[in-house]
Amino acid sequence: MTKHSGKDHDIGHTGHPGELVGVGEEVWMDVIHKMDEVYSDLLQYEVALEEKNAKLEESQQFILSVLTAMSDILVVCGRDGAIEDVNPALEVITGKSAEDLRGGAIYDLFVGEDARDKARQLLTVFGEREVHDCELQLRAHDGSAVPVSFNCTPRFNAVGKSMGMVVTGRPVGELRRAYQALRQAHDDLKRTQQQLLHSEKMASLGRLVAGVAHELNNPISFILGNVHALRRYANRLETYLGAVHAGDAPEQLAEQRQRLRIDRILSDLDPLIDGTIEGAERTRQIVDGLKRFSAIDRDEQQQFDLAEVVERAVRWVCQAARKEFEVRLDIPAPLPMVGSAGQMQQVMMNLVQNAWDATGALDHPALQIAAEVDAGRVCLHFKDNGPGIEADHLAHVFDPFFTTKPVGQGTGLGLAISYGIVERHGGRLSVANAADGGAIFSVRLPLTPAS
């Protein structure tokens, strides 16, 4: 039997195969501890891997849901034009499944050789450039051609190498229908705007009927008086001419001429006729102004005198006022400009009428209209002696349907429409409170050079 030295006695074998001798308990504890750590790390790695797999599956489901919900066509193809993936929208149009489409050439989706050549050029020659709004005919499942607006975007790998294209498209029919719907809505809005404008003008015209009737009454009364005088003169001339044709003696004719005042009639005829023509012309101007004011507006571009428009607006409103309304005018004439005289008259009447409404409760309502002309532009200031406008309301004065008047006494459209009219004439309408009280509306407009 062989004897071992003391150094060889620490580690050895027993009679049982595989059993170590001389290994302490601490060593075994270290081994078990390391095994526990490894097992714990494996568990953590497994949990992390499951979480990542869950997130990956969630991302895949999200991408799939987005692709499925897309109404636009989506095609992913390689550099050679081979289809790598599609979305359900293309399957619906072509009537083919994604499996049947994958691997095929994207050019075969189009109708006609010209469309295929154009697609081939876009995807190969311009393979690294973006393409926007390229309309091509796509072959539908029933063989018909569907016009589609395509956008192509190149895709690259991590090192910047081109991998192919991502092609998206939308049937042009949908775009055209959307455009038609938008255009219809725009036309409806324009018609509604015209109706509101016309309704506001009719409301203003209704408030001013009394003033217009009074203004028409003056020339009509003048014409009527002249016509009655002409009737009397005609009867006297008829009597005198009858005596002349009857062959009366010269003494009798002289007596008739003096008794009928023929010489006075002859000297008075020209002034009577001129006055009648002037009254008729004045009536025609008033009626013409009413027609321009009340007619449905068109894009008129005519030369007119803004000073005359302001004076007529003041005259109409003042004549319709139920009590004295003092309006002081400090406007140089003429103020030539180009645009719609009827629309501009509506603006001026609205500003004068608002000043009257704001000062109607005062004992001495007043409005001052002054003009400043500088560098081819005029600025009209309408300053009343009313209570002014509350600070909270200043920012909303030109908002549609905003009004501080009692229900039934204001539509809230007058100033909003006036603001739009002034803007269309290249000007600006603003409002502020005067330091000494009252409100000031300022209208800035371009003038035309004097010819």
Protein backbone atom coordinates (compact mmCIF):
# COMPACT_ATOMS: atom_id res chain seq x y z
CA MET A 1 0.00 0.00 0.00
CA THR A 2 1.45 3.36 -1.11
CA LYS A 3 1.83 6.11 1.40
CA HIS A 4 1.20 9.78 0.47
CA SER A 5 2.95 12.83 1.78
CA GLY A 6 1.15 15.51 3.76
CA LYS A 7 0.87 17.80 0.68
CA ASP A 8 -0.91 15.13 -1.30
CA HIS A 9 -3.29 14.35 1.49
CA ASP A 10 -5.59 17.53 0.99
CA ILE A 11 -7.32 16.43 -2.17
CA GLY A 12 -7.93 12.85 -3.15
CA HIS A 13 -10.49 10.29 -4.03
CA THR A 14 -12.41 7.91 -1.95
CA GLY A 15 -13.27 4.50 -3.01
CA HIS A 16 -16.43 5.81 -4.74
CA PRO A 17 -15.96 6.95 -8.35
CA GLY A 18 -16.42 10.75 -8.92
CA GLU A 19 -16.36 11.65 -5.25
CA LEU A 20 -13.91 14.35 -4.28
CA VAL A 21 -12.20 14.24 -0.93
CA GLY A 22 -10.50 17.02 0.82
CA VAL A 23 -13.00 19.70 -0.59
CA GLY A 24 -14.22 22.00 2.12
CA GLU A 25 -17.81 23.13 2.78
CA GLU A 26 -16.98 26.74 1.91
CA VAL A 27 -16.02 25.73 -1.61
CA TRP A 28 -19.33 24.00 -2.10
CA MET A 29 -21.20 27.02 -0.79
CA ASP A 30 -19.35 29.25 -3.29
CA VAL A 31 -20.26 26.91 -6.11
CA ILE A 32 -23.91 26.83 -5.08
CA HIS A 33 -23.94 30.64 -4.74
CA LYS A 34 -22.49 31.07 -8.23
CA MET A 35 -25.07 28.67 -9.63
CA ASP A 36 -27.85 30.67 -7.99
CA GLU A 37 -26.47 33.88 -9.54
CA VAL A 38 -26.29 32.28 -12.96
CA TYR A 39 -29.83 30.95 -12.60
CA SER A 40 -31.09 34.35 -11.44
CA ASP A 41 -29.40 36.02 -14.41
CA LEU A 42 -30.98 33.49 -16.73
CA LEU A 43 -34.39 34.23 -15.26
CA GLN A 44 -33.85 37.98 -15.69
CA TYR A 45 -32.69 37.50 -19.26
CA GLU A 46 -35.74 35.38 -19.95
CA VAL A 47 -38.08 37.99 -18.45
CA ALA A 48 -36.37 40.78 -20.47
CA LEU A 49 -36.57 38.66 -23.61
CA GLU A 50 -40.26 38.01 -23.07
CA GLU A 51 -40.86 41.75 -22.53
CA LYS A 52 -38.98 42.58 -25.71
CA ASN A 53 -40.88 39.91 -27.61
CA ALA A 54 -44.16 41.32 -26.27
CA LYS A 55 -43.16 44.85 -27.32
CA LEU A 56 -42.05 43.56 -30.70
CA GLU A 57 -45.34 41.75 -31.17
CA GLU A 58 -47.24 44.88 -30.05
CA SER A 59 -45.27 47.00 -32.54
CA GLN A 60 -45.98 44.49 -35.28
CA GLN A 61 -49.67 44.52 -34.44
CA PHE A 62 -49.67 48.34 -34.42
CA ILE A 63 -47.93 48.52 -37.80
CA LEU A 64 -50.30 45.88 -39.18
CA SER A 65 -53.35 47.77 -37.90
CA VAL A 66 -52.05 51.00 -39.45
CA LEU A 67 -51.36 49.32 -42.78
CA THR A 68 -54.77 47.64 -42.70
CA ALA A 69 -56.56 50.89 -41.85
CA MET A 70 -54.80 52.89 -44.57
CA SER A 71 -57.07 53.81 -47.44
CA ASP A 72 -54.02 54.86 -49.48
CA ILE A 73 -52.04 52.29 -51.44
CA LEU A 74 -48.68 51.21 -50.01
CA VAL A 75 -46.08 49.19 -51.91
CA VAL A 76 -42.56 48.37 -50.73
CA CYS A 77 -40.29 47.26 -53.56
CA GLY A 78 -36.61 46.57 -54.09
CA ARG A 79 -34.17 48.31 -56.38
CA ASP A 80 -35.15 46.01 -59.23
CA GLY A 81 -38.83 46.87 -58.81
CA ALA A 82 -39.75 43.54 -57.22
CA ILE A 83 -42.62 43.87 -54.77
CA GLU A 84 -41.61 43.00 -51.22
CA ASP A 85 -44.78 43.92 -49.36
CA VAL A 86 -48.14 45.62 -49.89
CA ASN A 87 -51.02 46.79 -47.73
CA PRO A 88 -54.66 45.63 -47.95
CA ALA A 89 -55.71 48.74 -49.91
CA LEU A 90 -53.76 47.50 -52.94
CA GLU A 91 -55.22 44.02 -52.51
CA VAL A 92 -58.73 45.49 -52.68
CA ILE A 93 -58.03 47.44 -55.89
CA THR A 94 -56.12 44.71 -57.72
CA GLY A 95 -58.18 41.80 -56.41
CA LYS A 96 -54.97 39.89 -55.61
CA SER A 97 -53.65 38.74 -52.26
CA ALA A 98 -50.39 39.95 -50.78
CA GLU A 99 -48.85 36.51 -51.37
CA ASP A 100 -49.67 36.70 -55.08
CA LEU A 101 -48.30 40.23 -55.37
CA ARG A 102 -45.01 39.65 -53.51
CA GLY A 103 -42.13 38.92 -55.84
CA GLY A 104 -43.88 40.35 -58.88
CA ALA A 105 -42.78 43.48 -60.68
CA ILE A 106 -44.42 46.71 -59.60
CA TYR A 107 -44.49 47.82 -63.23
CA ASP A 108 -47.02 45.10 -64.04
CA LEU A 109 -49.57 46.87 -61.83
CA PHE A 110 -50.00 49.70 -64.33
CA VAL A 111 -52.13 49.92 -67.47
CA GLY A 112 -50.39 50.62 -70.76
CA GLU A 113 -46.79 50.51 -71.82
CA ASP A 114 -46.36 54.26 -71.36
CA ALA A 115 -47.37 54.04 -67.70
CA ARG A 116 -45.06 51.06 -67.14
CA ASP A 117 -42.13 52.87 -68.81
CA LYS A 118 -42.75 55.95 -66.71
CA ALA A 119 -42.89 53.89 -63.50
CA ARG A 120 -39.70 52.07 -64.50
CA GLN A 121 -37.97 55.39 -65.09
CA LEU A 122 -39.08 56.77 -61.75
CA LEU A 123 -37.98 53.71 -59.80
CA THR A 124 -34.70 53.05 -61.56
CA VAL A 125 -33.34 56.21 -63.12
CA PHE A 126 -34.53 58.36 -60.23
CA GLY A 127 -34.27 55.60 -57.68
CA GLU A 128 -32.67 57.81 -55.03
CA ARG A 129 -34.95 60.83 -55.44
CA GLU A 130 -38.37 61.57 -54.04
CA VAL A 131 -41.27 61.75 -56.48
CA HIS A 132 -44.48 63.60 -55.65
CA ASP A 133 -47.94 63.60 -57.26
CA CYS A 134 -47.16 61.43 -60.25
CA GLU A 135 -50.45 60.28 -61.79
CA LEU A 136 -50.45 56.78 -63.32
CA GLN A 137 -53.19 54.37 -64.40
CA LEU A 138 -53.46 51.37 -62.06
CA ARG A 139 -55.10 48.16 -63.28
CA ALA A 140 -58.15 47.29 -61.16
CA HIS A 141 -59.46 43.79 -60.48
CA ASP A 142 -62.15 44.22 -63.15
CA GLY A 143 -59.60 45.29 -65.78
CA SER A 144 -60.51 48.97 -65.65
CA ALA A 145 -57.92 51.73 -65.25
CA VAL A 146 -57.92 53.63 -61.97
CA PRO A 147 -56.03 56.97 -62.00
CA VAL A 148 -53.81 57.11 -58.92
CA SER A 149 -51.57 59.93 -57.66
CA PHE A 150 -48.32 58.30 -56.52
CA ASN A 151 -45.55 59.45 -54.19
CA CYS A 152 -42.24 57.58 -54.14
CA THR A 153 -39.63 57.77 -51.37
CA PRO A 154 -36.29 55.90 -51.44
CA ARG A 155 -35.33 53.72 -48.48
CA PHE A 156 -31.77 53.08 -47.30
CA ASN A 157 -30.03 50.60 -45.02
CA ALA A 158 -27.90 51.42 -41.99
CA VAL A 159 -24.86 52.32 -44.09
CA GLY A 160 -26.83 54.51 -46.51
CA LYS A 161 -27.11 52.06 -49.37
CA SER A 162 -30.29 52.26 -51.44
CA MET A 163 -32.63 49.35 -50.75
CA GLY A 164 -35.49 50.27 -53.04
CA MET A 165 -38.59 52.51 -52.85
CA VAL A 166 -41.67 52.98 -50.72
CA VAL A 167 -44.56 53.86 -53.03
CA THR A 168 -47.81 55.35 -51.74
CA GLY A 169 -50.77 56.35 -53.83
CA ARG A 170 -54.30 57.69 -53.58
CA PRO A 171 -56.98 57.24 -56.22
CA VAL A 172 -57.44 60.58 -57.93
CA GLY A 173 -61.19 60.06 -57.94
CA GLU A 174 -61.24 60.56 -54.17
CA LEU A 175 -59.16 63.71 -54.49
CA ARG A 176 -61.46 65.06 -57.16
CA ARG A 177 -64.52 64.30 -55.08
CA ALA A 178 -62.92 65.98 -52.08
CA TYR A 179 -62.02 68.99 -54.23
CA GLN A 180 -65.55 69.19 -55.62
CA ALA A 181 -66.97 69.00 -52.10
CA LEU A 182 -64.59 71.76 -50.99
CA ARG A 183 -65.49 73.89 -53.98
CA GLN A 184 -69.19 73.35 -53.36
CA ALA A 185 -68.75 74.39 -49.73
CA HIS A 186 -66.86 77.47 -50.87
CA ASP A 187 -69.60 78.38 -53.35
CA ASP A 188 -72.26 77.87 -50.68
CA LEU A 189 -70.29 80.10 -48.32
CA LYS A 190 -70.00 82.81 -50.98
CA ARG A 191 -73.75 82.64 -51.65
CA THR A 192 -74.47 82.85 -47.93
CA GLN A 193 -72.13 85.82 -47.65
CA GLN A 194 -73.90 87.56 -50.54
CA GLN A 195 -77.28 86.84 -48.94
CA LEU A 196 -76.12 88.25 -45.60
CA LEU A 197 -74.70 91.29 -47.34
CA HIS A 198 -77.92 91.84 -49.26
CA SER A 199 -80.06 91.29 -46.15
CA GLU A 200 -78.05 93.83 -44.19
CA LYS A 201 -78.37 96.32 -47.04
CA MET A 202 -82.13 95.80 -47.16
CA ALA A 203 -82.31 96.33 -43.40
CA SER A 204 -80.34 99.57 -43.74
CA LEU A 205 -82.49 100.64 -46.66
CA GLY A 206 -85.64 99.96 -44.67
CA ARG A 207 -84.42 102.19 -41.84
CA LEU A 208 -83.71 105.00 -44.30
CA VAL A 209 -86.92 104.92 -46.34
CA ALA A 210 -88.22 108.05 -44.66
CA GLY A 211 -85.08 110.02 -45.42
CA VAL A 212 -84.98 108.85 -49.03
CA ALA A 213 -88.67 109.69 -49.47
CA HIS A 214 -88.03 113.18 -48.09
CA GLU A 215 -85.11 113.69 -50.47
CA LEU A 216 -87.20 112.50 -53.41
CA ASN A 217 -90.08 114.73 -52.33
CA ASN A 218 -88.11 117.96 -52.91
CA PRO A 219 -87.29 117.53 -56.63
CA ILE A 220 -90.62 115.83 -57.34
CA SER A 221 -92.52 118.70 -55.73
CA PHE A 222 -90.44 121.15 -57.73
CA ILE A 223 -91.19 119.28 -60.95
CA LEU A 224 -94.89 119.07 -60.09
CA GLY A 225 -95.10 122.84 -59.43
CA ASN A 226 -93.35 123.60 -62.72
CA VAL A 227 -95.65 121.26 -64.64
CA HIS A 228 -98.76 122.99 -63.20
CA ALA A 229 -97.33 126.37 -64.21
CA LEU A 230 -96.60 125.05 -67.70
CA ARG A 231 -100.18 123.78 -67.90
CA ARG A 232 -101.52 127.28 -67.11
CA TYR A 233 -99.13 128.86 -69.58
CA ALA A 234 -100.19 126.36 -72.26
CA ASN A 235 -103.88 127.32 -71.78
CA ARG A 236 -103.06 131.04 -72.15
CA LEU A 237 -100.91 130.44 -75.22
CA GLU A 238 -103.69 128.33 -76.73
CA THR A 239 -106.20 131.20 -76.21
CA TYR A 240 -103.83 133.76 -77.75
CA LEU A 241 -102.98 131.54 -80.71
CA GLY A 242 -106.71 130.97 -81.29
CA ALA A 243 -107.23 134.73 -81.56
CA VAL A 244 -104.29 135.01 -83.97
CA HIS A 245 -105.67 132.28 -86.22
CA ALA A 246 -109.18 133.84 -86.06
CA GLY A 247 -107.75 137.00 -87.67
CA ASP A 248 -108.53 139.42 -84.83
CA ALA A 249 -107.55 143.02 -85.35
CA PRO A 250 -104.08 144.08 -84.18
CA GLU A 251 -105.59 146.23 -81.43
CA GLN A 252 -107.51 143.20 -80.10
CA LEU A 253 -104.41 140.98 -80.32
CA ALA A 254 -102.35 143.53 -78.41
CA GLU A 255 -105.03 143.70 -75.74
CA GLN A 256 -105.15 139.88 -75.54
CA ARG A 257 -101.35 139.69 -75.36
CA GLN A 258 -101.29 142.09 -72.45
CA ARG A 259 -104.24 140.52 -70.62
CA LEU A 260 -102.83 136.97 -70.95
CA ARG A 261 -99.28 138.15 -70.07
CA ILE A 262 -97.84 136.37 -73.10
CA ASP A 263 -94.52 138.22 -72.87
CA ARG A 264 -94.06 137.10 -69.25
CA ILE A 265 -94.91 133.52 -70.20
CA LEU A 266 -92.33 133.53 -72.98
CA SER A 267 -89.61 134.87 -70.65
CA ASP A 268 -90.56 132.33 -67.95
CA LEU A 269 -90.63 129.24 -70.18
CA ASP A 270 -86.86 128.65 -70.29
CA PRO A 271 -86.35 128.79 -66.47
CA LEU A 272 -89.38 126.54 -65.95
CA ILE A 273 -88.12 123.96 -68.43
CA ASP A 274 -84.57 124.13 -67.05
CA GLY A 275 -85.86 123.74 -63.50
CA THR A 276 -87.99 120.78 -64.49
CA ILE A 277 -85.04 119.10 -66.19
CA GLU A 278 -82.87 119.76 -63.15
CA GLY A 279 -85.47 118.29 -60.79
CA ALA A 280 -85.90 115.25 -63.03
CA GLU A 281 -82.13 114.78 -63.19
CA ARG A 282 -81.89 115.05 -59.39
CA THR A 283 -84.64 112.45 -59.05
CA ARG A 284 -82.83 110.19 -61.49
CA GLN A 285 -79.60 110.51 -59.47
CA ILE A 286 -81.39 109.60 -56.22
CA VAL A 287 -83.08 106.60 -57.82
CA ASP A 288 -79.81 105.55 -59.44
CA GLY A 289 -78.10 105.77 -56.05
CA LEU A 290 -80.84 103.63 -54.52
CA LYS A 291 -80.49 101.07 -57.29
CA ARG A 292 -76.73 100.87 -56.80
CA PHE A 293 -77.15 100.61 -53.06
CA SER A 294 -79.88 97.98 -53.05
CA ALA A 295 -78.68 95.85 -55.97
CA ILE A 296 -76.93 92.54 -55.30
CA ASP A 297 -73.26 93.45 -55.38
CA ARG A 298 -70.87 92.50 -58.12
CA ASP A 299 -67.17 93.16 -58.43
CA GLU A 300 -67.59 96.69 -59.74
CA GLN A 301 -64.53 98.69 -60.71
CA GLN A 302 -65.79 102.15 -61.54
CA GLN A 303 -64.54 105.66 -60.88
CA PHE A 304 -66.56 107.61 -58.31
CA ASP A 305 -66.24 110.51 -55.88
CA LEU A 306 -65.97 109.34 -52.28
CA ALA A 307 -66.83 112.82 -50.97
CA GLU A 308 -70.16 112.71 -52.83
CA VAL A 309 -70.86 109.24 -51.41
CA VAL A 310 -70.24 110.47 -47.83
CA GLU A 311 -72.47 113.54 -48.32
CA ARG A 312 -75.31 111.42 -49.70
CA ALA A 313 -75.01 108.95 -46.81
CA VAL A 314 -75.16 111.79 -44.27
CA ARG A 315 -78.16 113.35 -46.01
CA TRP A 316 -80.15 110.12 -46.08
CA VAL A 317 -79.47 109.22 -42.45
CA CYS A 318 -80.15 112.73 -41.15
CA GLN A 319 -83.45 112.95 -43.00
CA ALA A 320 -84.50 109.61 -41.48
CA ALA A 321 -83.56 110.67 -37.93
CA ARG A 322 -86.53 111.38 -35.68
CA LYS A 323 -84.90 114.47 -34.18
CA GLU A 324 -82.11 116.89 -34.92
CA PHE A 325 -78.80 115.15 -35.62
CA GLU A 326 -75.94 117.54 -36.16
CA VAL A 327 -73.31 116.32 -38.60
CA ARG A 328 -70.29 118.52 -39.35
CA LEU A 329 -68.42 117.70 -42.56
CA ASP A 330 -64.81 118.68 -43.14
CA ILE A 331 -64.02 116.79 -46.33
CA PRO A 332 -62.12 118.10 -49.33
CA ALA A 333 -63.72 117.43 -52.69
CA PRO A 334 -63.31 115.59 -54.88
CA LEU A 335 -61.95 112.32 -53.48
CA PRO A 336 -61.65 110.12 -56.58
CA MET A 337 -61.33 106.39 -56.14
CA VAL A 338 -62.07 103.18 -58.04
CA GLY A 339 -64.41 100.47 -56.81
CA SER A 340 -68.08 99.95 -56.02
CA ALA A 341 -69.87 103.19 -55.17
CA GLY A 342 -72.86 101.22 -53.87
CA GLN A 343 -70.74 99.14 -51.49
CA MET A 344 -68.84 102.17 -50.25
CA GLN A 345 -72.09 104.05 -49.70
CA GLN A 346 -73.26 101.14 -47.56
CA VAL A 347 -70.12 101.51 -45.41
CA MET A 348 -70.59 105.26 -44.96
CA MET A 349 -74.29 104.95 -44.18
CA ASN A 350 -73.57 102.22 -41.66
CA LEU A 351 -71.00 104.36 -39.85
CA VAL A 352 -73.31 107.40 -39.80
CA GLN A 353 -76.27 105.28 -38.69
CA ASN A 354 -74.19 103.70 -35.89
CA ALA A 355 -73.19 107.18 -34.71
CA TRP A 356 -76.86 108.17 -34.62
CA ASP A 357 -77.77 105.00 -32.71
CA ALA A 358 -74.98 105.66 -30.18
CA THR A 359 -76.03 109.27 -29.60
CA GLY A 360 -79.82 108.95 -30.04
CA ALA A 361 -80.47 109.23 -26.30
CA LEU A 362 -78.59 112.54 -25.99
CA ASP A 363 -80.24 115.95 -26.12
CA HIS A 364 -77.82 117.17 -28.79
CA PRO A 365 -76.51 114.19 -30.80
CA ALA A 366 -73.59 115.14 -33.02
CA LEU A 367 -71.12 113.59 -35.43
CA GLN A 368 -67.98 115.09 -36.90
CA ILE A 369 -66.55 113.68 -40.15
CA ALA A 370 -63.08 114.85 -41.07
CA ALA A 371 -60.70 113.74 -43.79
CA GLU A 372 -56.92 113.64 -44.09
CA VAL A 373 -55.30 113.15 -47.50
CA ASP A 374 -51.68 112.04 -47.66
CA ALA A 375 -49.58 110.17 -50.23
CA GLY A 376 -52.48 109.10 -52.38
CA ARG A 377 -54.61 107.83 -49.47
CA VAL A 378 -57.48 109.34 -47.54
CA CYS A 379 -58.37 108.72 -43.90
CA LEU A 380 -61.94 109.50 -42.87
CA HIS A 381 -62.60 109.93 -39.14
CA PHE A 382 -66.18 109.51 -37.83
CA LYS A 383 -66.20 110.92 -34.27
CA ASP A 384 -69.45 111.02 -32.29
CA ASN A 385 -70.25 112.53 -28.90
CA GLY A 386 -71.75 109.34 -27.50
CA PRO A 387 -70.65 107.29 -24.49
CA GLY A 388 -67.96 105.41 -26.45
CA ILE A 389 -67.39 101.64 -26.59
CA GLU A 390 -66.58 99.48 -23.58
CA ALA A 391 -62.97 98.32 -23.51
CA ASP A 392 -64.02 94.64 -23.48
CA HIS A 393 -66.07 95.19 -26.65
CA LEU A 394 -63.47 97.03 -28.74
CA ALA A 395 -61.77 93.84 -29.91
CA HIS A 396 -65.11 92.33 -31.04
CA VAL A 397 -66.73 95.29 -32.78
CA PHE A 398 -66.08 93.86 -36.26
CA ASP A 399 -66.94 90.25 -35.36
CA PRO A 400 -69.95 88.89 -37.28
CA PHE A 401 -73.20 88.87 -35.26
CA PHE A 402 -71.63 90.85 -32.39
CA THR A 403 -73.90 93.67 -31.27
CA THR A 404 -74.58 95.66 -28.12
CA LYS A 405 -78.03 96.73 -29.31
CA PRO A 406 -81.18 95.19 -27.82
CA VAL A 407 -82.59 92.06 -29.43
CA GLY A 408 -84.44 92.91 -32.61
CA GLN A 409 -82.66 96.23 -33.15
CA GLY A 410 -79.40 95.02 -34.67
CA THR A 411 -78.13 92.08 -36.69
CA GLY A 412 -74.48 92.43 -35.71
CA LEU A 413 -73.51 92.25 -39.39
CA GLY A 414 -73.24 95.90 -40.40
CA LEU A 415 -69.71 96.57 -39.19
CA ALA A 416 -68.47 93.09 -40.11
CA ILE A 417 -69.69 93.56 -43.69
CA SER A 418 -68.30 97.12 -43.79
CA TYR A 419 -64.92 95.81 -42.64
CA GLY A 420 -64.85 93.30 -45.51
CA ILE A 421 -65.91 95.92 -48.08
CA VAL A 422 -63.17 98.32 -47.01
CA GLU A 423 -60.58 95.52 -47.15
CA ARG A 424 -61.70 94.55 -50.67
CA HIS A 425 -61.11 98.17 -51.70
CA GLY A 426 -57.54 98.01 -50.41
CA GLY A 427 -58.26 99.91 -47.21
CA ARG A 428 -58.61 99.41 -43.49
CA LEU A 429 -61.40 100.08 -40.99
CA SER A 430 -60.53 100.59 -37.31
CA VAL A 431 -62.17 101.84 -34.12
CA ALA A 432 -61.01 103.52 -30.92
CA ASN A 433 -62.36 105.63 -28.06
CA ALA A 434 -61.59 109.34 -28.16
CA ALA A 435 -59.71 110.85 -25.22
CA ASP A 436 -62.52 113.40 -24.65
CA GLY A 437 -65.29 110.79 -25.00
CA GLY A 438 -67.15 109.18 -27.84
CA ALA A 439 -66.05 106.65 -30.42
CA ILE A 440 -63.90 107.23 -33.51
CA PHE A 441 -64.23 105.00 -36.56
CA SER A 442 -61.40 105.52 -39.08
CA VAL A 443 -61.58 104.46 -42.73
CA ARG A 444 -58.34 104.45 -44.72
CA LEU A 445 -58.71 104.07 -48.48
CA PRO A 446 -56.50 104.49 -51.56
CA LEU A 447 -57.32 107.29 -53.97
CA THR A 448 -56.79 107.33 -57.72
CA PRO A 449 -54.45 109.96 -59.20
CA ALA A 450 -56.21 112.99 -60.59
CA SER A 451 -56.43 112.83 -64.37
